[in-house]
């Protein structure tokens, strides 16, 4: 129970304190380029790996980019939803495994 509360606090509250700067992989792929704004959109100028990157298949999913689509700064909400979904999926799998062991032991 305590683990779940700590996970929810970290996901829901501390996520707002996270850096918006690119992580290690993003910054490594952007070496050699500069990010400039062109017509309200970011573009990379120079020579770097990130210039050839494309969006992945899940980039339009509801929780892409650690936020809820349609809501601006919603990283905490996305984090809480992620924790809840993970706990539900893991709990369901553990329940199925425990049920299978109980049924198998009674035979």
C-alpha atoms as a PDB file:
ATOM      1  CA  UNK A   1       0.000   0.000   0.000  1.00  0.00           C
ATOM      2  CA  UNK A   2       2.786   2.410   0.941  1.00  0.00           C
ATOM      3  CA  UNK A   3       4.621   1.599  -2.303  1.00  0.00           C
ATOM      4  CA  UNK A   4       1.514   2.531  -4.293  1.00  0.00           C
ATOM      5  CA  UNK A   5       1.128   5.843  -2.495  1.00  0.00           C
ATOM      6  CA  UNK A   6       4.796   6.704  -3.021  1.00  0.00           C
ATOM      7  CA  UNK A   7       4.486   5.829  -6.726  1.00  0.00           C
ATOM      8  CA  UNK A   8       1.409   8.043  -7.066  1.00  0.00           C
ATOM      9  CA  UNK A   9       3.104  10.967  -5.301  1.00  0.00           C
ATOM     10  CA  UNK A  10       6.192  10.664  -7.492  1.00  0.00           C
ATOM     11  CA  UNK A  11       4.129  10.356 -10.678  1.00  0.00           C
ATOM     12  CA  UNK A  12       1.545  12.993  -9.796  1.00  0.00           C
ATOM     13  CA  UNK A  13       3.541  15.634  -7.938  1.00  0.00           C
ATOM     14  CA  UNK A  14       7.255  15.291  -8.542  1.00  0.00           C
ATOM     15  CA  UNK A  15       6.833  14.905 -12.298  1.00  0.00           C
ATOM     16  CA  UNK A  16       6.083  18.638 -12.510  1.00  0.00           C
ATOM     17  CA  UNK A  17       9.614  19.310 -11.225  1.00  0.00           C
ATOM     18  CA  UNK A  18      11.200  17.216 -14.008  1.00  0.00           C
ATOM     19  CA  UNK A  19      13.404  18.938 -16.543  1.00  0.00           C
ATOM     20  CA  UNK A  20      11.927  19.792 -19.922  1.00  0.00           C
ATOM     21  CA  UNK A  21      15.394  19.636 -21.480  1.00  0.00           C
ATOM     22  CA  UNK A  22      16.120  16.731 -23.810  1.00  0.00           C
ATOM     23  CA  UNK A  23      17.220  13.518 -22.094  1.00  0.00           C
ATOM     24  CA  UNK A  24      20.567  11.838 -22.784  1.00  0.00           C
ATOM     25  CA  UNK A  25      19.481  10.073 -25.964  1.00  0.00           C
ATOM     26  CA  UNK A  26      17.809  13.163 -27.398  1.00  0.00           C
ATOM     27  CA  UNK A  27      20.760  15.399 -26.617  1.00  0.00           C
ATOM     28  CA  UNK A  28      23.218  12.866 -28.088  1.00  0.00           C
ATOM     29  CA  UNK A  29      21.274  12.657 -31.359  1.00  0.00           C
ATOM     30  CA  UNK A  30      21.044  16.461 -31.564  1.00  0.00           C
ATOM     31  CA  UNK A  31      24.817  17.063 -31.314  1.00  0.00           C
ATOM     32  CA  UNK A  32      25.897  19.139 -34.273  1.00  0.00           C
ATOM     33  CA  UNK A  33      22.509  20.846 -34.720  1.00  0.00           C
ATOM     34  CA  UNK A  34      20.779  23.911 -33.392  1.00  0.00           C
ATOM     35  CA  UNK A  35      17.051  24.099 -32.729  1.00  0.00           C
ATOM     36  CA  UNK A  36      15.435  27.161 -34.309  1.00  0.00           C
ATOM     37  CA  UNK A  37      11.819  28.280 -34.524  1.00  0.00           C
ATOM     38  CA  UNK A  38      10.468  28.535 -38.084  1.00  0.00           C
ATOM     39  CA  UNK A  39       6.810  29.565 -38.517  1.00  0.00           C
ATOM     40  CA  UNK A  40       6.049  28.543 -34.930  1.00  0.00           C
ATOM     41  CA  UNK A  41       7.595  25.074 -35.269  1.00  0.00           C
ATOM     42  CA  UNK A  42      10.977  23.804 -34.106  1.00  0.00           C
ATOM     43  CA  UNK A  43      13.445  22.805 -36.819  1.00  0.00           C
ATOM     44  CA  UNK A  44      16.971  21.438 -36.581  1.00  0.00           C
ATOM     45  CA  UNK A  45      19.738  23.209 -38.509  1.00  0.00           C
ATOM     46  CA  UNK A  46      23.188  21.692 -38.921  1.00  0.00           C
ATOM     47  CA  UNK A  47      24.305  18.089 -39.239  1.00  0.00           C
ATOM     48  CA  UNK A  48      23.032  15.568 -36.670  1.00  0.00           C
ATOM     49  CA  UNK A  49      21.312  12.183 -36.436  1.00  0.00           C
ATOM     50  CA  UNK A  50      18.051  13.716 -35.199  1.00  0.00           C
ATOM     51  CA  UNK A  51      17.450  15.475 -38.530  1.00  0.00           C
ATOM     52  CA  UNK A  52      16.463  12.148 -40.062  1.00  0.00           C
ATOM     53  CA  UNK A  53      14.183  11.102 -37.204  1.00  0.00           C
ATOM     54  CA  UNK A  54      10.460  10.579 -37.755  1.00  0.00           C
ATOM     55  CA  UNK A  55       7.597  10.238 -35.303  1.00  0.00           C
ATOM     56  CA  UNK A  56       6.997   6.738 -34.007  1.00  0.00           C
ATOM     57  CA  UNK A  57       3.721   4.863 -34.505  1.00  0.00           C
ATOM     58  CA  UNK A  58       2.438   5.766 -31.020  1.00  0.00           C
ATOM     59  CA  UNK A  59       3.199   9.493 -31.229  1.00  0.00           C
ATOM     60  CA  UNK A  60      -0.488  10.361 -31.511  1.00  0.00           C
ATOM     61  CA  UNK A  61      -1.586   8.122 -28.617  1.00  0.00           C
ATOM     62  CA  UNK A  62      -3.426   9.720 -25.677  1.00  0.00           C
ATOM     63  CA  UNK A  63      -0.392   9.626 -23.336  1.00  0.00           C
ATOM     64  CA  UNK A  64       2.401  10.410 -25.822  1.00  0.00           C
ATOM     65  CA  UNK A  65       5.228  12.699 -24.655  1.00  0.00           C
ATOM     66  CA  UNK A  66       4.391  12.091 -20.987  1.00  0.00           C
ATOM     67  CA  UNK A  67       1.245  14.210 -21.100  1.00  0.00           C
ATOM     68  CA  UNK A  68      -2.467  13.824 -21.766  1.00  0.00           C
ATOM     69  CA  UNK A  69      -3.341  14.872 -25.311  1.00  0.00           C
ATOM     70  CA  UNK A  70      -5.390  18.033 -25.379  1.00  0.00           C
ATOM     71  CA  UNK A  71      -4.166  19.173 -21.958  1.00  0.00           C
ATOM     72  CA  UNK A  72      -1.157  21.440 -21.745  1.00  0.00           C
ATOM     73  CA  UNK A  73       1.057  20.738 -18.738  1.00  0.00           C
ATOM     74  CA  UNK A  74      -0.446  17.402 -17.707  1.00  0.00           C
ATOM     75  CA  UNK A  75       2.602  15.291 -16.941  1.00  0.00           C
ATOM     76  CA  UNK A  76       1.335  14.518 -13.448  1.00  0.00           C
ATOM     77  CA  UNK A  77      -2.001  13.264 -14.743  1.00  0.00           C
ATOM     78  CA  UNK A  78      -0.270  11.068 -17.315  1.00  0.00           C
ATOM     79  CA  UNK A  79       2.040   9.744 -14.594  1.00  0.00           C
ATOM     80  CA  UNK A  80      -0.847   8.865 -12.291  1.00  0.00           C
ATOM     81  CA  UNK A  81      -2.698   7.159 -15.147  1.00  0.00           C
ATOM     82  CA  UNK A  82       0.453   5.205 -15.973  1.00  0.00           C
ATOM     83  CA  UNK A  83       0.831   4.037 -12.367  1.00  0.00           C
ATOM     84  CA  UNK A  84      -2.835   3.019 -12.145  1.00  0.00           C
ATOM     85  CA  UNK A  85      -2.760   1.100 -15.441  1.00  0.00           C
ATOM     86  CA  UNK A  86       0.494  -0.639 -14.477  1.00  0.00           C
ATOM     87  CA  UNK A  87      -0.906  -1.668 -11.076  1.00  0.00           C
ATOM     88  CA  UNK A  88      -4.139  -2.941 -12.666  1.00  0.00           C
ATOM     89  CA  UNK A  89      -2.324  -4.968 -15.336  1.00  0.00           C
ATOM     90  CA  UNK A  90       0.216  -6.391 -12.871  1.00  0.00           C
ATOM     91  CA  UNK A  91      -2.523  -7.114 -10.316  1.00  0.00           C
ATOM     92  CA  UNK A  92      -4.598  -8.906 -12.941  1.00  0.00           C
ATOM     93  CA  UNK A  93      -1.637 -11.025 -14.019  1.00  0.00           C
ATOM     94  CA  UNK A  94      -0.758 -11.921 -10.430  1.00  0.00           C
ATOM     95  CA  UNK A  95      -4.387 -12.796  -9.748  1.00  0.00           C
ATOM     96  CA  UNK A  96      -4.506 -15.071 -12.810  1.00  0.00           C
ATOM     97  CA  UNK A  97      -1.259 -16.776 -11.829  1.00  0.00           C
ATOM     98  CA  UNK A  98      -2.392 -17.306  -8.245  1.00  0.00           C
ATOM     99  CA  UNK A  99      -5.755 -18.640  -9.416  1.00  0.00           C
ATOM    100  CA  UNK A 100      -4.012 -21.064 -11.788  1.00  0.00           C
ATOM    101  CA  UNK A 101      -1.789 -22.360  -8.999  1.00  0.00           C
ATOM    102  CA  UNK A 102      -4.779 -22.812  -6.675  1.00  0.00           C
ATOM    103  CA  UNK A 103      -6.729 -24.690  -9.340  1.00  0.00           C
ATOM    104  CA  UNK A 104      -3.719 -26.860 -10.214  1.00  0.00           C
ATOM    105  CA  UNK A 105      -2.936 -27.694  -6.570  1.00  0.00           C
ATOM    106  CA  UNK A 106      -6.458 -28.973  -5.866  1.00  0.00           C
ATOM    107  CA  UNK A 107      -6.296 -31.705  -8.494  1.00  0.00           C
END
